[in-house]
Amino acid sequence: METKKIEFLETYLSLYIDHQTVMAEMDKPDSAYVILDVRNAPAQIKQDQIKGAIALPAKDLAQQLDTLDKDKTYVVYDWTAGTTLGKMALFILLSAGFKAFELSSALEGWKGMHLPTEPVAQ
């Protein structure tokens, strides 16, 4: 039984990427990572986003896959770790053959660590 728990946790944890890994790459001109803000809300509700993120709502992601670069690794995030939009977006990307992770602790954790954000373009 303990082996099954460990295997489950290994799989679960492999779906996430931590803030430090993303931060180390985000300012590099040749970064392998593209950060996607998959929140399904208008800009006036979102107000801010992770610096350099691309807004691509989870509800539109499946129809926009042909605009994405298969050579990049996508990092998706939602409002909080407990919401499901990030997980839905991750499922869509992985099912379509993209390399992708969900950001550990989502936007809430990013902001809680005082990492770079920017206003959402109105």
N, C-alpha and C. Protein backbone atom coordinates (compact mmCIF):
# COMPACT_ATOMS: atom_id res chain seq x y z
N MET A 1 0.82 -1.21 0.00
CA MET A 1 0.00 0.00 0.00
C MET A 1 0.85 1.26 0.00
N GLU A 2 1.93 1.27 0.77
CA GLU A 2 2.78 2.46 0.83
C GLU A 2 3.41 2.74 -0.53
N THR A 3 3.75 1.70 -1.28
CA THR A 3 4.33 1.86 -2.61
C THR A 3 3.35 2.58 -3.54
N LYS A 4 2.08 2.21 -3.45
CA LYS A 4 1.06 2.86 -4.29
C LYS A 4 0.92 4.34 -3.92
N LYS A 5 1.01 4.65 -2.64
CA LYS A 5 0.94 6.04 -2.20
C LYS A 5 2.12 6.83 -2.74
N ILE A 6 3.28 6.25 -2.68
CA ILE A 6 4.48 6.92 -3.18
C ILE A 6 4.38 7.15 -4.68
N GLU A 7 3.94 6.14 -5.41
CA GLU A 7 3.77 6.29 -6.86
C GLU A 7 2.76 7.37 -7.19
N PHE A 8 1.65 7.40 -6.44
CA PHE A 8 0.64 8.44 -6.66
C PHE A 8 1.25 9.82 -6.41
N LEU A 9 1.97 9.98 -5.31
CA LEU A 9 2.56 11.28 -4.98
C LEU A 9 3.61 11.69 -6.02
N GLU A 10 4.39 10.75 -6.51
CA GLU A 10 5.36 11.06 -7.56
C GLU A 10 4.66 11.59 -8.80
N THR A 11 3.59 10.95 -9.19
CA THR A 11 2.83 11.40 -10.35
C THR A 11 2.22 12.77 -10.09
N TYR A 12 1.58 12.93 -8.95
CA TYR A 12 0.95 14.20 -8.59
C TYR A 12 1.96 15.34 -8.60
N LEU A 13 3.08 15.15 -7.95
CA LEU A 13 4.09 16.20 -7.86
C LEU A 13 4.72 16.52 -9.21
N SER A 14 4.76 15.55 -10.11
CA SER A 14 5.36 15.78 -11.43
C SER A 14 4.53 16.73 -12.29
N LEU A 15 3.31 17.01 -11.87
CA LEU A 15 2.44 17.92 -12.61
C LEU A 15 2.74 19.39 -12.32
N TYR A 16 3.50 19.65 -11.27
CA TYR A 16 3.73 21.01 -10.79
C TYR A 16 5.16 21.47 -11.01
N ILE A 17 5.32 22.79 -11.12
CA ILE A 17 6.63 23.42 -11.19
C ILE A 17 6.67 24.50 -10.11
N ASP A 18 7.83 24.66 -9.51
CA ASP A 18 7.93 25.61 -8.40
C ASP A 18 8.31 27.01 -8.90
N HIS A 19 8.07 27.98 -8.04
CA HIS A 19 8.29 29.39 -8.38
C HIS A 19 9.74 29.69 -8.71
N GLN A 20 10.68 29.10 -7.96
CA GLN A 20 12.09 29.38 -8.17
C GLN A 20 12.55 28.93 -9.56
N THR A 21 12.07 27.78 -10.00
CA THR A 21 12.44 27.29 -11.33
C THR A 21 11.93 28.24 -12.41
N VAL A 22 10.71 28.70 -12.26
CA VAL A 22 10.13 29.64 -13.23
C VAL A 22 10.88 30.97 -13.18
N MET A 23 11.14 31.48 -11.98
CA MET A 23 11.84 32.76 -11.83
C MET A 23 13.22 32.73 -12.47
N ALA A 24 13.93 31.62 -12.33
CA ALA A 24 15.28 31.51 -12.87
C ALA A 24 15.29 31.60 -14.39
N GLU A 25 14.18 31.29 -15.03
CA GLU A 25 14.10 31.27 -16.50
C GLU A 25 13.36 32.46 -17.11
N MET A 26 12.52 33.12 -16.33
CA MET A 26 11.56 34.05 -16.94
C MET A 26 12.19 35.27 -17.62
N ASP A 27 13.36 35.70 -17.23
CA ASP A 27 13.96 36.87 -17.87
C ASP A 27 14.96 36.51 -18.96
N LYS A 28 15.17 35.23 -19.18
CA LYS A 28 16.09 34.82 -20.24
C LYS A 28 15.41 34.97 -21.59
N PRO A 29 16.10 35.55 -22.56
CA PRO A 29 15.49 35.73 -23.88
C PRO A 29 15.16 34.40 -24.57
N ASP A 30 15.87 33.35 -24.21
CA ASP A 30 15.65 32.04 -24.83
C ASP A 30 14.98 31.07 -23.86
N SER A 31 14.21 31.59 -22.94
CA SER A 31 13.56 30.76 -21.93
C SER A 31 12.73 29.65 -22.58
N ALA A 32 12.81 28.49 -21.99
CA ALA A 32 12.02 27.35 -22.47
C ALA A 32 10.57 27.45 -22.01
N TYR A 33 10.31 28.33 -21.03
CA TYR A 33 8.99 28.41 -20.42
C TYR A 33 8.15 29.56 -20.98
N VAL A 34 6.87 29.28 -21.15
CA VAL A 34 5.88 30.30 -21.48
C VAL A 34 4.82 30.21 -20.38
N ILE A 35 4.56 31.33 -19.73
CA ILE A 35 3.60 31.35 -18.62
C ILE A 35 2.24 31.75 -19.18
N LEU A 36 1.24 30.90 -18.92
CA LEU A 36 -0.12 31.15 -19.38
C LEU A 36 -1.04 31.43 -18.19
N ASP A 37 -1.68 32.57 -18.23
CA ASP A 37 -2.71 32.93 -17.25
C ASP A 37 -4.02 32.36 -17.80
N VAL A 38 -4.51 31.30 -17.20
CA VAL A 38 -5.70 30.62 -17.74
C VAL A 38 -6.99 30.98 -16.99
N ARG A 39 -6.95 32.05 -16.22
CA ARG A 39 -8.15 32.46 -15.50
C ARG A 39 -9.22 32.93 -16.49
N ASN A 40 -10.45 32.49 -16.27
CA ASN A 40 -11.59 32.86 -17.13
C ASN A 40 -12.27 34.10 -16.56
N ALA A 41 -11.61 35.24 -16.63
CA ALA A 41 -12.20 36.47 -16.09
C ALA A 41 -11.74 37.64 -16.95
N PRO A 42 -12.56 38.68 -17.06
CA PRO A 42 -12.15 39.87 -17.81
C PRO A 42 -11.01 40.60 -17.09
N ALA A 43 -10.26 41.40 -17.84
CA ALA A 43 -9.10 42.12 -17.31
C ALA A 43 -9.44 42.95 -16.09
N GLN A 44 -10.60 43.60 -16.08
CA GLN A 44 -10.93 44.45 -14.94
C GLN A 44 -11.13 43.65 -13.65
N ILE A 45 -11.45 42.38 -13.77
CA ILE A 45 -11.58 41.52 -12.60
C ILE A 45 -10.20 40.99 -12.20
N LYS A 46 -9.41 40.59 -13.18
CA LYS A 46 -8.08 40.03 -12.88
C LYS A 46 -7.15 41.08 -12.30
N GLN A 47 -7.10 42.25 -12.86
CA GLN A 47 -6.30 43.39 -12.45
C GLN A 47 -4.79 43.19 -12.60
N ASP A 48 -4.23 42.08 -12.10
CA ASP A 48 -2.80 41.86 -12.26
C ASP A 48 -2.53 40.42 -12.66
N GLN A 49 -1.31 40.20 -13.14
CA GLN A 49 -0.91 38.87 -13.60
C GLN A 49 0.58 38.71 -13.32
N ILE A 50 1.08 37.51 -13.48
CA ILE A 50 2.50 37.27 -13.37
C ILE A 50 3.19 38.01 -14.50
N LYS A 51 4.30 38.67 -14.18
CA LYS A 51 5.03 39.45 -15.17
C LYS A 51 5.37 38.58 -16.38
N GLY A 52 4.97 39.06 -17.56
CA GLY A 52 5.26 38.37 -18.80
C GLY A 52 4.30 37.27 -19.19
N ALA A 53 3.29 37.03 -18.36
CA ALA A 53 2.31 35.97 -18.66
C ALA A 53 1.47 36.34 -19.88
N ILE A 54 1.01 35.32 -20.55
CA ILE A 54 0.10 35.49 -21.68
C ILE A 54 -1.29 35.05 -21.22
N ALA A 55 -2.27 35.91 -21.40
CA ALA A 55 -3.64 35.57 -21.02
C ALA A 55 -4.24 34.66 -22.09
N LEU A 56 -4.59 33.46 -21.68
CA LEU A 56 -5.25 32.50 -22.56
C LEU A 56 -6.24 31.71 -21.70
N PRO A 57 -7.45 32.22 -21.57
CA PRO A 57 -8.43 31.59 -20.69
C PRO A 57 -8.60 30.10 -20.96
N ALA A 58 -8.74 29.33 -19.92
CA ALA A 58 -8.90 27.88 -20.04
C ALA A 58 -10.05 27.53 -20.97
N LYS A 59 -11.11 28.32 -20.96
CA LYS A 59 -12.27 28.04 -21.81
C LYS A 59 -11.95 28.17 -23.30
N ASP A 60 -10.86 28.89 -23.65
CA ASP A 60 -10.48 29.09 -25.04
C ASP A 60 -9.26 28.28 -25.46
N LEU A 61 -8.61 27.65 -24.52
CA LEU A 61 -7.32 27.00 -24.77
C LEU A 61 -7.39 25.94 -25.86
N ALA A 62 -8.36 25.06 -25.81
CA ALA A 62 -8.43 23.96 -26.80
C ALA A 62 -8.53 24.49 -28.23
N GLN A 63 -9.17 25.64 -28.42
CA GLN A 63 -9.32 26.21 -29.76
C GLN A 63 -8.08 26.99 -30.19
N GLN A 64 -7.15 27.23 -29.26
CA GLN A 64 -5.96 28.03 -29.56
C GLN A 64 -4.67 27.21 -29.61
N LEU A 65 -4.77 25.90 -29.50
CA LEU A 65 -3.58 25.06 -29.45
C LEU A 65 -2.68 25.23 -30.66
N ASP A 66 -3.25 25.49 -31.82
CA ASP A 66 -2.43 25.63 -33.03
C ASP A 66 -1.61 26.92 -33.03
N THR A 67 -1.84 27.82 -32.10
CA THR A 67 -1.06 29.05 -31.99
C THR A 67 0.13 28.88 -31.05
N LEU A 68 0.22 27.73 -30.38
CA LEU A 68 1.27 27.50 -29.40
C LEU A 68 2.45 26.75 -30.01
N ASP A 69 3.62 26.98 -29.46
CA ASP A 69 4.88 26.39 -29.93
C ASP A 69 5.14 25.08 -29.18
N LYS A 70 5.17 23.97 -29.90
CA LYS A 70 5.40 22.65 -29.28
C LYS A 70 6.80 22.52 -28.69
N ASP A 71 7.72 23.42 -29.04
CA ASP A 71 9.08 23.36 -28.50
C ASP A 71 9.19 24.03 -27.14
N LYS A 72 8.17 24.73 -26.72
CA LYS A 72 8.18 25.42 -25.43
C LYS A 72 7.54 24.54 -24.36
N THR A 73 7.80 24.90 -23.12
CA THR A 73 7.15 24.25 -21.98
C THR A 73 6.22 25.28 -21.38
N TYR A 74 4.95 24.92 -21.24
CA TYR A 74 3.94 25.86 -20.75
C TYR A 74 3.72 25.69 -19.25
N VAL A 75 3.66 26.84 -18.58
CA VAL A 75 3.39 26.89 -17.15
C VAL A 75 2.05 27.60 -17.01
N VAL A 76 1.05 26.88 -16.54
CA VAL A 76 -0.29 27.45 -16.41
C VAL A 76 -0.56 27.80 -14.96
N TYR A 77 -1.35 28.85 -14.77
CA TYR A 77 -1.76 29.19 -13.40
C TYR A 77 -3.17 29.73 -13.38
N ASP A 78 -3.76 29.56 -12.22
CA ASP A 78 -5.12 29.99 -11.93
C ASP A 78 -5.05 30.89 -10.70
N TRP A 79 -6.20 31.23 -10.14
CA TRP A 79 -6.26 32.11 -8.96
C TRP A 79 -5.54 31.50 -7.76
N THR A 80 -5.95 30.29 -7.39
CA THR A 80 -5.40 29.62 -6.21
C THR A 80 -5.14 28.16 -6.54
N ALA A 81 -4.38 27.52 -5.67
CA ALA A 81 -4.06 26.10 -5.89
C ALA A 81 -5.30 25.22 -5.80
N GLY A 82 -6.34 25.68 -5.14
CA GLY A 82 -7.54 24.87 -4.96
C GLY A 82 -8.54 24.95 -6.10
N THR A 83 -8.32 25.85 -7.03
CA THR A 83 -9.25 25.97 -8.15
C THR A 83 -8.85 25.01 -9.26
N THR A 84 -9.76 24.77 -10.20
CA THR A 84 -9.53 23.70 -11.18
C THR A 84 -9.14 24.18 -12.58
N LEU A 85 -9.19 25.45 -12.87
CA LEU A 85 -8.87 25.91 -14.23
C LEU A 85 -7.45 25.55 -14.63
N GLY A 86 -6.50 25.68 -13.73
CA GLY A 86 -5.13 25.31 -14.03
C GLY A 86 -5.01 23.83 -14.35
N LYS A 87 -5.72 23.02 -13.61
CA LYS A 87 -5.69 21.58 -13.85
C LYS A 87 -6.36 21.23 -15.18
N MET A 88 -7.45 21.91 -15.50
CA MET A 88 -8.11 21.69 -16.79
C MET A 88 -7.19 22.09 -17.94
N ALA A 89 -6.53 23.23 -17.80
CA ALA A 89 -5.61 23.69 -18.85
C ALA A 89 -4.43 22.73 -18.99
N LEU A 90 -3.92 22.26 -17.88
CA LEU A 90 -2.82 21.30 -17.92
C LEU A 90 -3.25 20.02 -18.63
N PHE A 91 -4.44 19.55 -18.33
CA PHE A 91 -4.98 18.36 -18.98
C PHE A 91 -5.07 18.56 -20.50
N ILE A 92 -5.57 19.71 -20.92
CA ILE A 92 -5.70 20.01 -22.35
C ILE A 92 -4.33 20.01 -23.03
N LEU A 93 -3.37 20.69 -22.42
CA LEU A 93 -2.03 20.78 -23.02
C LEU A 93 -1.34 19.42 -23.07
N LEU A 94 -1.35 18.69 -21.97
CA LEU A 94 -0.69 17.38 -21.95
C LEU A 94 -1.35 16.41 -22.92
N SER A 95 -2.67 16.44 -23.00
CA SER A 95 -3.40 15.56 -23.91
C SER A 95 -3.09 15.85 -25.37
N ALA A 96 -2.72 17.11 -25.66
CA ALA A 96 -2.40 17.50 -27.03
C ALA A 96 -0.90 17.34 -27.34
N GLY A 97 -0.16 16.78 -26.40
CA GLY A 97 1.25 16.51 -26.65
C GLY A 97 2.21 17.63 -26.30
N PHE A 98 1.75 18.64 -25.58
CA PHE A 98 2.63 19.73 -25.16
C PHE A 98 3.33 19.36 -23.87
N LYS A 99 4.49 19.98 -23.65
CA LYS A 99 5.17 19.90 -22.36
C LYS A 99 4.54 21.00 -21.50
N ALA A 100 4.09 20.64 -20.30
CA ALA A 100 3.41 21.64 -19.48
C ALA A 100 3.43 21.25 -18.01
N PHE A 101 3.30 22.27 -17.17
CA PHE A 101 3.19 22.12 -15.72
C PHE A 101 2.15 23.11 -15.22
N GLU A 102 1.63 22.84 -14.05
CA GLU A 102 0.83 23.83 -13.34
C GLU A 102 1.74 24.50 -12.32
N LEU A 103 1.63 25.81 -12.18
CA LEU A 103 2.45 26.54 -11.22
C LEU A 103 2.03 26.17 -9.80
N SER A 104 2.97 25.70 -9.04
CA SER A 104 2.72 25.36 -7.64
C SER A 104 2.17 26.59 -6.90
N SER A 105 1.10 26.43 -6.19
CA SER A 105 0.45 27.47 -5.38
C SER A 105 -0.20 28.58 -6.18
N ALA A 106 -0.21 28.47 -7.50
CA ALA A 106 -0.94 29.38 -8.38
C ALA A 106 -0.54 30.85 -8.17
N LEU A 107 -1.39 31.76 -8.63
CA LEU A 107 -1.11 33.19 -8.51
C LEU A 107 -1.07 33.62 -7.05
N GLU A 108 -1.91 33.05 -6.23
CA GLU A 108 -1.96 33.40 -4.81
C GLU A 108 -0.59 33.19 -4.15
N GLY A 109 0.04 32.05 -4.42
CA GLY A 109 1.36 31.77 -3.86
C GLY A 109 2.43 32.68 -4.43
N TRP A 110 2.35 32.95 -5.73
CA TRP A 110 3.31 33.84 -6.40
C TRP A 110 3.29 35.22 -5.75
N LYS A 111 2.07 35.76 -5.58
CA LYS A 111 1.93 37.08 -4.98
C LYS A 111 2.31 37.06 -3.51
N GLY A 112 2.02 35.95 -2.83
CA GLY A 112 2.38 35.82 -1.42
C GLY A 112 3.88 35.85 -1.21
N MET A 113 4.63 35.44 -2.22
CA MET A 113 6.10 35.46 -2.14
C MET A 113 6.67 36.77 -2.70
N HIS A 114 5.78 37.71 -3.06
CA HIS A 114 6.16 39.02 -3.58
C HIS A 114 7.03 38.92 -4.83
N LEU A 115 6.66 37.99 -5.72
CA LEU A 115 7.36 37.82 -6.98
C LEU A 115 6.74 38.77 -8.02
N PRO A 116 7.42 39.01 -9.12
CA PRO A 116 7.00 40.07 -10.06
C PRO A 116 5.63 39.84 -10.71
N THR A 117 4.81 40.87 -10.61
CA THR A 117 3.52 40.90 -11.29
C THR A 117 3.46 42.20 -12.09
N GLU A 118 2.44 42.29 -12.93
CA GLU A 118 2.22 43.50 -13.71
C GLU A 118 0.72 43.67 -13.89
N PRO A 119 0.29 44.91 -14.14
CA PRO A 119 -1.13 45.11 -14.39
C PRO A 119 -1.57 44.38 -15.67
N VAL A 120 -2.78 43.90 -15.66
CA VAL A 120 -3.35 43.30 -16.86
C VAL A 120 -3.74 44.42 -17.80
N ALA A 121 -3.38 44.31 -19.07
CA ALA A 121 -3.73 45.33 -20.06
C ALA A 121 -5.25 45.36 -20.20
N GLN A 122 -5.81 46.53 -20.10
CA GLN A 122 -7.26 46.71 -20.20
C GLN A 122 -7.71 46.77 -21.63
